[in-house]
Amino acid sequence: MKQFFISICLAMALSIGLPLASFAKKNITILYTGDIEGHITAMRG
């Protein structure tokens, strides 16, 4: 019974965690590339 409960908790954690992780990764990538572009434009200007 305890293992069943743990597996449900893991499944819920994954279903919540994975979309959040991919969302955060996408946002970090956008921020990072934007930062690089900002530095490039700043150096050019």
C-alpha atoms as a PDB file:
ATOM      1  CA  MET A   1       0.000   0.000   0.000  1.00  0.00           C
ATOM      2  CA  LYS A   2       2.831   2.378   0.865  1.00  0.00           C
ATOM      3  CA  GLN A   3       4.647   1.635  -2.398  1.00  0.00           C
ATOM      4  CA  PHE A   4       1.427   2.323  -4.319  1.00  0.00           C
ATOM      5  CA  PHE A   5       1.128   5.712  -2.615  1.00  0.00           C
ATOM      6  CA  ILE A   6       4.793   6.502  -3.344  1.00  0.00           C
ATOM      7  CA  SER A   7       4.357   5.614  -7.020  1.00  0.00           C
ATOM      8  CA  ILE A   8       1.334   7.940  -7.237  1.00  0.00           C
ATOM      9  CA  CYS A   9       3.369  10.730  -5.631  1.00  0.00           C
ATOM     10  CA  LEU A  10       6.223  10.131  -8.072  1.00  0.00           C
ATOM     11  CA  ALA A  11       3.850  10.172 -11.036  1.00  0.00           C
ATOM     12  CA  MET A  12       2.319  13.451  -9.856  1.00  0.00           C
ATOM     13  CA  ALA A  13       5.754  14.959  -9.235  1.00  0.00           C
ATOM     14  CA  LEU A  14       6.862  13.977 -12.742  1.00  0.00           C
ATOM     15  CA  SER A  15       3.692  15.287 -14.393  1.00  0.00           C
ATOM     16  CA  ILE A  16       4.214  18.616 -12.619  1.00  0.00           C
ATOM     17  CA  GLY A  17       8.013  18.721 -12.681  1.00  0.00           C
ATOM     18  CA  LEU A  18       8.741  17.851 -16.293  1.00  0.00           C
ATOM     19  CA  PRO A  19       6.646  20.630 -17.896  1.00  0.00           C
ATOM     20  CA  LEU A  20       8.060  23.090 -15.368  1.00  0.00           C
ATOM     21  CA  ALA A  21      11.615  21.980 -16.150  1.00  0.00           C
ATOM     22  CA  SER A  22      11.149  22.306 -19.915  1.00  0.00           C
ATOM     23  CA  PHE A  23       9.438  25.684 -19.433  1.00  0.00           C
ATOM     24  CA  ALA A  24      12.284  26.929 -17.227  1.00  0.00           C
ATOM     25  CA  LYS A  25      14.876  25.606 -19.683  1.00  0.00           C
ATOM     26  CA  LYS A  26      13.187  27.444 -22.551  1.00  0.00           C
ATOM     27  CA  ASN A  27      13.023  30.675 -20.550  1.00  0.00           C
ATOM     28  CA  ILE A  28      16.673  30.377 -19.476  1.00  0.00           C
ATOM     29  CA  THR A  29      17.686  29.819 -23.113  1.00  0.00           C
ATOM     30  CA  ILE A  30      15.693  32.890 -24.199  1.00  0.00           C
ATOM     31  CA  LEU A  31      17.224  34.990 -21.423  1.00  0.00           C
ATOM     32  CA  TYR A  32      20.724  33.735 -22.234  1.00  0.00           C
ATOM     33  CA  THR A  33      20.493  34.366 -25.990  1.00  0.00           C
ATOM     34  CA  GLY A  34      18.886  37.759 -25.330  1.00  0.00           C
ATOM     35  CA  ASP A  35      21.758  38.579 -22.983  1.00  0.00           C
ATOM     36  CA  ILE A  36      24.342  37.623 -25.625  1.00  0.00           C
ATOM     37  CA  GLU A  37      22.525  39.726 -28.247  1.00  0.00           C
ATOM     38  CA  GLY A  38      22.404  42.598 -25.770  1.00  0.00           C
ATOM     39  CA  HIS A  39      26.161  42.358 -25.222  1.00  0.00           C
ATOM     40  CA  ILE A  40      26.810  42.225 -28.965  1.00  0.00           C
ATOM     41  CA  THR A  41      24.654  45.310 -29.627  1.00  0.00           C
ATOM     42  CA  ALA A  42      26.260  47.077 -26.661  1.00  0.00           C
ATOM     43  CA  MET A  43      29.757  46.355 -28.010  1.00  0.00           C
ATOM     44  CA  ARG A  44      28.769  47.496 -31.495  1.00  0.00           C
ATOM     45  CA  GLY A  45      27.115  50.654 -30.157  1.00  0.00           C
END
